[in-house]
Amino acid sequence: MELILIRHGTTQGNLERRFVGLLDVPLAPQGEELARRVSPDLLPVEHIYRSPLMRCRQTAELLWPGVAQTVIPELRETDFGPFEGKNHEELKDDPLYQAWISDRPNFADLPVGESGEACARRARAGLDKVLADAEANGFQRVGVVSHGGTLMGLLAHVGVPERDYYGWMCPNCGGFRTEWLPEEGKLKVLEPVGGEGK
């Protein structure tokens, strides 16, 4: 089974380099346009699994119009706690923020929401739901529309070839075409797809 993993399109928060996290913000006009440009280059999918957040719903609708969607709550973005909605410039003098960025992606002992490890475990549980439903329905290729941090954490744990967390960065409306290897419990990355270059 193939899974096309895609990060949502551009939001105003992305443009302002904010920690958007669990904030339910829409795509910016640039994000809608990017999704329309990327859409024709993506392989068709039989079903879409996505984060519950609006930016992922909008992206899914634009990338694969008319394809049915299933919400997987575990595919939501990292909870950035007190940093939600803020950017580096606004936070740079905050000692808690300085401690947080010096310890990324673990930051597990800091009271700032969700650790990178917790996000990755949650995303892996979401992947299990996707795989079970897709298999039950006999789907051969599905789309997964989620978030940058969520996809990075997931692929850092189950992606092949192995890379660290930041090695799996996805641009907006970009990601990877993957194949599920059930014997190994891994996602074999076949090629990058989409992204800002479109």
Foldseek 3Di string as FASTA:
>chain_A
DKEAEAEFFAAVCVVVQAQAFPPQGARDPNRLVQLLVQQVVDDAWQEEEEAPGRRLVSSVCNNHPPHYYDYQNLQGGFQQAPRHPHHCVVCVVPPLVVVQVVDPQASPVRPGGDHLQRSQVSLLVSVVVVVVVCVVVVIDYYYYYGHQSNQLSVCCVAEPPHDHSVVQGAAHRKHFIWDQDVVRRHTYTDGIGGHDVD
